[in-house]
Amino acid sequence: MRALNALWQSVLVIAGGGFLGLLYKGFDRKLAARLQGRIGPPIRQPLLDVLKLLVKETIIPRTAIPWLFKAMPPVALVASVTVLLYLPVGPFRPVLSGYGDLVLVLYLLAIPSLA
């Protein structure tokens, strides 16, 4: 039962964190445009950008190592999602609390920029 509860919290934090992050980016774009005297994109624009990105064709450069080129986006996503599991969200305790420290979180935040 405890493992099922942790799994449920993980899924909720990952889905909620991704959705709220994209929503926050939409508000940020809208606010920046309003401050510059423009209308700006709709708030849902980051969600639409992600959906468009998921349907695009993957083009692999000739000089790239194909398996490594295809493996890096999931590695970056897993690192970002793992950082979410170390943060307390709402009434939930961090799912991975006690299994790492600040150095690990900073390392996981650095991986997406390298991938």
Protein backbone atom coordinates (compact mmCIF):
# COMPACT_ATOMS: atom_id res chain seq x y z
CA MET A 1 0.00 0.00 0.00
CA ARG A 2 2.87 2.34 0.83
CA ALA A 3 4.52 1.72 -2.57
CA LEU A 4 1.23 2.35 -4.35
CA ASN A 5 0.80 5.62 -2.48
CA ALA A 6 4.35 6.70 -3.41
CA LEU A 7 3.70 5.77 -7.05
CA TRP A 8 0.46 7.76 -7.07
CA GLN A 9 2.20 10.78 -5.56
CA SER A 10 5.02 10.49 -8.11
CA VAL A 11 2.62 10.44 -11.05
CA LEU A 12 0.65 13.34 -9.61
CA VAL A 13 3.75 15.45 -8.98
CA ILE A 14 5.22 14.72 -12.43
CA ALA A 15 2.01 15.42 -14.34
CA GLY A 16 1.10 18.43 -12.23
CA GLY A 17 4.63 19.83 -12.33
CA GLY A 18 4.81 19.54 -16.10
CA PHE A 19 1.39 21.08 -16.63
CA LEU A 20 1.90 23.90 -14.13
CA GLY A 21 5.36 24.62 -15.53
CA LEU A 22 3.94 25.04 -19.03
CA LEU A 23 1.06 27.12 -17.70
CA TYR A 24 3.49 29.35 -15.79
CA LYS A 25 5.53 29.81 -18.98
CA GLY A 26 2.34 30.87 -20.78
CA PHE A 27 1.56 33.45 -18.09
CA ASP A 28 5.17 34.68 -18.24
CA ARG A 29 5.03 35.17 -22.02
CA LYS A 30 1.67 36.92 -21.78
CA LEU A 31 2.84 39.24 -18.99
CA ALA A 32 6.10 40.09 -20.79
CA ALA A 33 4.16 40.94 -23.95
CA ARG A 34 1.67 43.12 -22.03
CA LEU A 35 4.52 45.01 -20.35
CA GLN A 36 5.94 45.71 -23.82
CA GLY A 37 2.59 46.98 -25.09
CA ARG A 38 1.80 43.90 -27.22
CA ILE A 39 -1.06 41.39 -27.05
CA GLY A 40 1.17 38.34 -26.76
CA PRO A 41 0.54 34.64 -27.39
CA PRO A 42 -2.33 32.75 -25.75
CA ILE A 43 -1.59 31.27 -22.33
CA ARG A 44 -1.91 27.74 -23.72
CA GLN A 45 0.84 28.37 -26.32
CA PRO A 46 3.57 26.37 -24.50
CA LEU A 47 1.23 23.35 -24.39
CA LEU A 48 0.63 23.70 -28.12
CA ASP A 49 4.39 23.99 -28.70
CA VAL A 50 5.00 20.72 -26.84
CA LEU A 51 2.27 18.93 -28.81
CA LYS A 52 3.75 20.21 -32.08
CA LEU A 53 7.22 19.07 -31.01
CA LEU A 54 5.94 15.55 -30.31
CA VAL A 55 4.63 15.14 -33.88
CA LYS A 56 7.70 16.46 -35.69
CA GLU A 57 10.00 14.16 -37.63
CA THR A 58 13.39 13.38 -36.10
CA ILE A 59 16.29 14.36 -38.36
CA ILE A 60 19.63 12.86 -37.38
CA PRO A 61 22.79 14.59 -38.67
CA ARG A 62 25.26 12.43 -40.60
CA THR A 63 28.05 13.03 -38.10
CA ALA A 64 25.94 12.09 -35.05
CA ILE A 65 25.90 8.71 -33.34
CA PRO A 66 22.25 7.69 -33.98
CA TRP A 67 21.53 5.78 -30.75
CA LEU A 68 23.17 8.47 -28.63
CA PHE A 69 21.36 11.24 -30.50
CA LYS A 70 18.01 9.54 -29.84
CA ALA A 71 18.83 8.69 -26.21
CA MET A 72 19.68 12.18 -24.96
CA PRO A 73 16.16 13.76 -24.89
CA PRO A 74 14.78 11.02 -22.63
CA VAL A 75 17.87 11.32 -20.40
CA ALA A 76 17.23 15.06 -20.03
CA LEU A 77 13.54 14.45 -19.31
CA VAL A 78 14.27 11.80 -16.68
CA ALA A 79 16.77 14.10 -14.95
CA SER A 80 14.25 16.95 -14.84
CA VAL A 81 11.46 14.70 -13.58
CA THR A 82 13.74 13.23 -10.92
CA VAL A 83 14.41 16.72 -9.58
CA LEU A 84 10.63 17.19 -9.24
CA LEU A 85 10.49 14.10 -7.03
CA TYR A 86 12.92 15.72 -4.55
CA LEU A 87 10.73 18.82 -4.06
CA PRO A 88 7.80 19.01 -1.63
CA VAL A 89 4.62 19.89 -3.50
CA GLY A 90 1.49 20.97 -1.64
CA PRO A 91 0.56 18.59 1.17
CA PHE A 92 2.82 15.83 -0.21
CA ARG A 93 6.24 15.09 1.22
CA PRO A 94 9.05 14.66 -1.32
CA VAL A 95 8.81 11.15 -2.75
CA LEU A 96 12.60 10.70 -2.78
CA SER A 97 13.34 12.53 0.47
CA GLY A 98 16.32 11.12 2.30
CA TYR A 99 17.93 9.61 -0.81
CA GLY A 100 20.04 12.58 -1.88
CA ASP A 101 21.18 16.07 -1.07
CA LEU A 102 21.66 19.47 -2.67
CA VAL A 103 24.67 18.29 -4.70
CA LEU A 104 22.57 15.57 -6.33
CA VAL A 105 19.76 18.01 -7.15
CA LEU A 106 22.24 20.45 -8.72
CA TYR A 107 23.79 17.60 -10.71
CA LEU A 108 20.36 16.53 -11.98
CA LEU A 109 19.59 20.13 -12.96
CA ALA A 110 22.85 20.28 -14.96
CA ILE A 111 22.20 17.12 -17.01
CA PRO A 112 19.51 18.58 -19.36
CA SER A 113 21.84 21.39 -20.43
CA LEU A 114 24.50 18.82 -21.36
CA ALA A 115 22.11 16.51 -23.17
